[in-house]
Amino acid sequence: MAAIGLVLNTLFVWLFLTLTPLGEVWAKILAVPLVLGWNFFGRRLFVFYPKLPKVPGQIAARMVGITRPY
């Protein structure tokens, strides 16, 4: 996951530098939130919780500790 994040970060910075007139600092500032999203959701889906509930109510119920099924 971290290696993919590194590759994505480098790719986004390179794209922002080549396709826009932004400087290096702004390219990095724009790339960071995109890679942050990948790191969060990638780890959420592939590392820490392989089977996500399909109903949003089930997610909220697990967060607050409710055990009854919906």
N, C-alpha and C. Protein backbone atom coordinates (compact mmCIF):
# COMPACT_ATOMS: atom_id res chain seq x y z
N MET A 1 0.82 -1.19 0.00
CA MET A 1 0.00 0.00 0.00
C MET A 1 0.87 1.25 0.00
N ALA A 2 1.90 1.25 0.79
CA ALA A 2 2.77 2.42 0.86
C ALA A 2 3.51 2.65 -0.45
N ALA A 3 3.94 1.57 -1.08
CA ALA A 3 4.65 1.71 -2.35
C ALA A 3 3.74 2.26 -3.44
N ILE A 4 2.50 1.81 -3.45
CA ILE A 4 1.54 2.34 -4.42
C ILE A 4 1.28 3.81 -4.14
N GLY A 5 1.18 4.19 -2.87
CA GLY A 5 1.01 5.59 -2.51
C GLY A 5 2.17 6.44 -2.98
N LEU A 6 3.38 5.93 -2.84
CA LEU A 6 4.56 6.65 -3.29
C LEU A 6 4.54 6.84 -4.82
N VAL A 7 4.18 5.79 -5.53
CA VAL A 7 4.09 5.89 -6.99
C VAL A 7 3.00 6.89 -7.39
N LEU A 8 1.85 6.82 -6.74
CA LEU A 8 0.77 7.77 -7.05
C LEU A 8 1.19 9.20 -6.76
N ASN A 9 1.86 9.42 -5.65
CA ASN A 9 2.31 10.76 -5.29
C ASN A 9 3.26 11.30 -6.35
N THR A 10 4.21 10.51 -6.75
CA THR A 10 5.16 10.93 -7.77
C THR A 10 4.46 11.20 -9.09
N LEU A 11 3.52 10.34 -9.45
CA LEU A 11 2.77 10.51 -10.69
C LEU A 11 1.94 11.80 -10.68
N PHE A 12 1.23 12.05 -9.59
CA PHE A 12 0.41 13.26 -9.51
C PHE A 12 1.27 14.52 -9.56
N VAL A 13 2.37 14.53 -8.83
CA VAL A 13 3.25 15.70 -8.85
C VAL A 13 3.78 15.92 -10.27
N TRP A 14 4.20 14.86 -10.91
CA TRP A 14 4.72 14.97 -12.27
C TRP A 14 3.63 15.49 -13.23
N LEU A 15 2.40 14.95 -13.10
CA LEU A 15 1.31 15.41 -13.95
C LEU A 15 0.99 16.89 -13.72
N PHE A 16 0.92 17.29 -12.47
CA PHE A 16 0.63 18.69 -12.18
C PHE A 16 1.74 19.61 -12.70
N LEU A 17 2.98 19.16 -12.64
CA LEU A 17 4.08 19.99 -13.12
C LEU A 17 4.11 20.08 -14.65
N THR A 18 3.74 19.01 -15.32
CA THR A 18 3.81 19.01 -16.78
C THR A 18 2.56 19.58 -17.43
N LEU A 19 1.40 19.42 -16.79
CA LEU A 19 0.14 19.86 -17.42
C LEU A 19 -0.34 21.22 -16.97
N THR A 20 0.22 21.76 -15.91
CA THR A 20 -0.22 23.06 -15.39
C THR A 20 1.00 23.95 -15.16
N PRO A 21 0.78 25.25 -15.06
CA PRO A 21 1.92 26.14 -14.79
C PRO A 21 2.25 26.27 -13.31
N LEU A 22 1.88 25.30 -12.51
CA LEU A 22 2.13 25.36 -11.07
C LEU A 22 3.60 25.08 -10.77
N GLY A 23 4.04 25.59 -9.65
CA GLY A 23 5.39 25.29 -9.18
C GLY A 23 5.41 23.97 -8.44
N GLU A 24 6.59 23.60 -7.99
CA GLU A 24 6.75 22.31 -7.30
C GLU A 24 5.96 22.23 -6.01
N VAL A 25 5.93 23.34 -5.27
CA VAL A 25 5.24 23.33 -3.98
C VAL A 25 3.74 23.13 -4.17
N TRP A 26 3.16 23.86 -5.12
CA TRP A 26 1.71 23.73 -5.35
C TRP A 26 1.34 22.37 -5.94
N ALA A 27 2.21 21.82 -6.77
CA ALA A 27 1.96 20.48 -7.30
C ALA A 27 1.92 19.46 -6.16
N LYS A 28 2.83 19.60 -5.21
CA LYS A 28 2.87 18.68 -4.06
C LYS A 28 1.65 18.89 -3.17
N ILE A 29 1.27 20.15 -2.96
CA ILE A 29 0.10 20.44 -2.13
C ILE A 29 -1.16 19.84 -2.73
N LEU A 30 -1.29 19.85 -4.04
CA LEU A 30 -2.46 19.25 -4.69
C LEU A 30 -2.40 17.72 -4.71
N ALA A 31 -1.21 17.17 -4.78
CA ALA A 31 -1.07 15.71 -4.84
C ALA A 31 -1.31 15.06 -3.49
N VAL A 32 -0.97 15.74 -2.41
CA VAL A 32 -1.06 15.13 -1.07
C VAL A 32 -2.48 14.68 -0.72
N PRO A 33 -3.54 15.51 -0.90
CA PRO A 33 -4.89 15.02 -0.55
C PRO A 33 -5.34 13.83 -1.39
N LEU A 34 -4.93 13.78 -2.65
CA LEU A 34 -5.31 12.65 -3.49
C LEU A 34 -4.69 11.35 -2.98
N VAL A 35 -3.42 11.42 -2.64
CA VAL A 35 -2.73 10.23 -2.13
C VAL A 35 -3.21 9.88 -0.73
N LEU A 36 -3.56 10.89 0.06
CA LEU A 36 -4.12 10.63 1.38
C LEU A 36 -5.42 9.83 1.26
N GLY A 37 -6.25 10.20 0.30
CA GLY A 37 -7.48 9.43 0.06
C GLY A 37 -7.19 8.00 -0.32
N TRP A 38 -6.22 7.80 -1.21
CA TRP A 38 -5.84 6.44 -1.58
C TRP A 38 -5.34 5.66 -0.37
N ASN A 39 -4.47 6.27 0.43
CA ASN A 39 -3.92 5.58 1.59
C ASN A 39 -5.02 5.19 2.58
N PHE A 40 -5.97 6.09 2.81
CA PHE A 40 -7.04 5.79 3.77
C PHE A 40 -7.93 4.67 3.26
N PHE A 41 -8.49 4.86 2.06
CA PHE A 41 -9.44 3.87 1.55
C PHE A 41 -8.76 2.56 1.14
N GLY A 42 -7.55 2.63 0.64
CA GLY A 42 -6.84 1.40 0.30
C GLY A 42 -6.55 0.55 1.52
N ARG A 43 -6.09 1.18 2.57
CA ARG A 43 -5.83 0.42 3.80
C ARG A 43 -7.14 -0.05 4.43
N ARG A 44 -8.17 0.77 4.34
CA ARG A 44 -9.49 0.39 4.90
C ARG A 44 -10.03 -0.84 4.19
N LEU A 45 -9.90 -0.86 2.88
CA LEU A 45 -10.47 -1.97 2.11
C LEU A 45 -9.58 -3.21 2.08
N PHE A 46 -8.28 -3.02 1.94
CA PHE A 46 -7.41 -4.17 1.70
C PHE A 46 -6.63 -4.65 2.91
N VAL A 47 -6.45 -3.81 3.92
CA VAL A 47 -5.60 -4.19 5.04
C VAL A 47 -6.40 -4.47 6.29
N PHE A 48 -7.23 -3.52 6.72
CA PHE A 48 -7.83 -3.63 8.04
C PHE A 48 -9.22 -4.23 8.08
N TYR A 49 -9.99 -4.15 7.02
CA TYR A 49 -11.37 -4.62 7.08
C TYR A 49 -11.77 -5.19 5.73
N PRO A 50 -11.46 -6.45 5.48
CA PRO A 50 -11.68 -7.01 4.15
C PRO A 50 -13.15 -7.15 3.76
N LYS A 51 -14.07 -7.24 4.71
CA LYS A 51 -15.47 -7.40 4.36
C LYS A 51 -16.27 -6.22 4.91
N LEU A 52 -16.56 -5.25 4.07
CA LEU A 52 -17.31 -4.08 4.50
C LEU A 52 -18.81 -4.37 4.50
N PRO A 53 -19.55 -3.84 5.45
CA PRO A 53 -21.00 -3.98 5.41
C PRO A 53 -21.57 -3.26 4.20
N LYS A 54 -22.68 -3.76 3.67
CA LYS A 54 -23.27 -3.17 2.48
C LYS A 54 -24.24 -2.04 2.79
N VAL A 55 -24.74 -2.00 3.98
CA VAL A 55 -25.72 -0.99 4.36
C VAL A 55 -25.03 0.05 5.25
N PRO A 56 -25.19 1.36 4.95
CA PRO A 56 -24.56 2.37 5.80
C PRO A 56 -24.98 2.29 7.26
N GLY A 57 -26.21 1.86 7.54
CA GLY A 57 -26.66 1.71 8.92
C GLY A 57 -25.85 0.68 9.68
N GLN A 58 -25.40 -0.35 8.98
CA GLN A 58 -24.57 -1.36 9.63
C GLN A 58 -23.21 -0.79 10.01
N ILE A 59 -22.70 0.09 9.19
CA ILE A 59 -21.42 0.73 9.51
C ILE A 59 -21.58 1.57 10.77
N ALA A 60 -22.63 2.38 10.82
CA ALA A 60 -22.86 3.23 11.99
C ALA A 60 -23.12 2.38 13.23
N ALA A 61 -23.85 1.28 13.09
CA ALA A 61 -24.14 0.42 14.22
C ALA A 61 -22.86 -0.19 14.78
N ARG A 62 -21.96 -0.59 13.91
CA ARG A 62 -20.71 -1.17 14.40
C ARG A 62 -19.84 -0.12 15.07
N MET A 63 -19.93 1.12 14.61
CA MET A 63 -19.12 2.18 15.21
C MET A 63 -19.56 2.49 16.64
N VAL A 64 -20.87 2.41 16.89
CA VAL A 64 -21.36 2.73 18.23
C VAL A 64 -21.58 1.49 19.08
N GLY A 65 -21.39 0.31 18.52
CA GLY A 65 -21.47 -0.91 19.31
C GLY A 65 -22.82 -1.58 19.35
N ILE A 66 -23.74 -1.21 18.46
CA ILE A 66 -25.05 -1.86 18.40
C ILE A 66 -24.88 -3.19 17.69
N THR A 67 -25.43 -4.25 18.26
CA THR A 67 -25.22 -5.57 17.69
C THR A 67 -26.44 -6.12 16.96
N ARG A 68 -27.57 -5.44 17.00
CA ARG A 68 -28.74 -5.99 16.32
C ARG A 68 -28.61 -5.81 14.80
N PRO A 69 -29.03 -6.81 14.03
CA PRO A 69 -28.91 -6.71 12.57
C PRO A 69 -29.97 -5.76 11.99
N TYR A 70 -29.65 -5.17 10.87
CA TYR A 70 -30.60 -4.29 10.17
C TYR A 70 -31.19 -4.99 8.99
